[in-house]
Amino acid sequence: MVVVENAEKEEENLLKPRVNKLKSKFGGQTKNTEPTRSDYVYDEDYYALYFDRLYARRIKELQ
């Protein structure tokens, strides 16, 4: 079950909002942004598992 727990953590970490640190470094306002599918266009099928909340479920099925 450790593998499934790690998969759930990875899924949560990918989907949590990000802080734009570059703006704050140059005196601008920080902005929390939610990751979107368009941010991950280089392997759409893989990252679709994360956005559809299927990644951890599929790992569990493999176990």
Protein backbone atom coordinates (compact mmCIF):
# COMPACT_ATOMS: atom_id res chain seq x y z
CA MET A 1 0.00 0.00 0.00
CA VAL A 2 3.02 2.30 0.23
CA VAL A 3 3.05 2.54 -3.55
CA VAL A 4 -0.60 3.64 -3.59
CA GLU A 5 0.02 6.22 -0.85
CA ASN A 6 2.95 7.65 -2.82
CA ALA A 7 0.80 7.79 -5.96
CA GLU A 8 -1.91 9.70 -4.05
CA LYS A 9 0.68 12.17 -2.72
CA GLU A 10 2.12 12.67 -6.19
CA GLU A 11 -1.34 13.29 -7.61
CA GLU A 12 -2.11 15.88 -4.90
CA ASN A 13 1.23 17.64 -5.37
CA LEU A 14 0.76 17.97 -9.11
CA LEU A 15 -2.72 19.46 -8.76
CA LYS A 16 -2.11 21.89 -5.89
CA PRO A 17 -1.96 25.62 -6.68
CA ARG A 18 1.45 27.08 -7.49
CA VAL A 19 2.83 30.44 -6.36
CA ASN A 20 4.42 32.54 -9.06
CA LYS A 21 7.71 33.37 -7.30
CA LEU A 22 9.16 35.33 -10.21
CA LYS A 23 6.68 38.17 -9.79
CA SER A 24 7.38 38.47 -6.08
CA LYS A 25 11.14 38.48 -6.71
CA PHE A 26 10.81 41.59 -8.87
CA GLY A 27 8.40 43.40 -6.56
CA GLY A 28 5.15 42.30 -8.15
CA GLN A 29 2.25 40.59 -6.50
CA THR A 30 2.36 36.86 -5.99
CA LYS A 31 -0.39 34.88 -7.64
CA ASN A 32 -1.60 31.38 -6.89
CA THR A 33 -2.37 29.54 -10.09
CA GLU A 34 -4.08 26.21 -10.53
CA PRO A 35 -2.31 23.88 -12.96
CA THR A 36 -4.30 23.18 -16.12
CA ARG A 37 -4.11 20.56 -18.83
CA SER A 38 -2.68 23.14 -21.22
CA ASP A 39 0.38 23.43 -18.94
CA TYR A 40 1.22 19.79 -19.69
CA VAL A 41 0.91 19.33 -23.45
CA TYR A 42 3.98 17.18 -24.04
CA ASP A 43 2.40 13.93 -22.73
CA GLU A 44 -1.33 14.58 -22.66
CA ASP A 45 -2.43 11.00 -22.04
CA TYR A 46 -0.19 10.61 -18.99
CA TYR A 47 -1.18 13.90 -17.37
CA ALA A 48 -4.86 13.30 -18.16
CA LEU A 49 -4.68 10.59 -15.50
CA TYR A 50 -3.80 13.26 -12.94
CA PHE A 51 -6.43 15.77 -13.99
CA ASP A 52 -9.14 13.10 -14.13
CA ARG A 53 -8.03 11.86 -10.70
CA LEU A 54 -7.30 8.41 -12.12
CA TYR A 55 -3.56 8.14 -11.46
CA ALA A 56 -3.73 6.72 -7.92
CA ARG A 57 -6.67 4.47 -8.85
CA ARG A 58 -4.75 2.95 -11.77
CA ILE A 59 -1.68 2.38 -9.58
CA LYS A 60 -3.91 0.62 -7.05
CA GLU A 61 -5.35 -1.58 -9.80
CA LEU A 62 -1.83 -2.55 -10.85
CA GLN A 63 -1.07 -3.62 -7.30
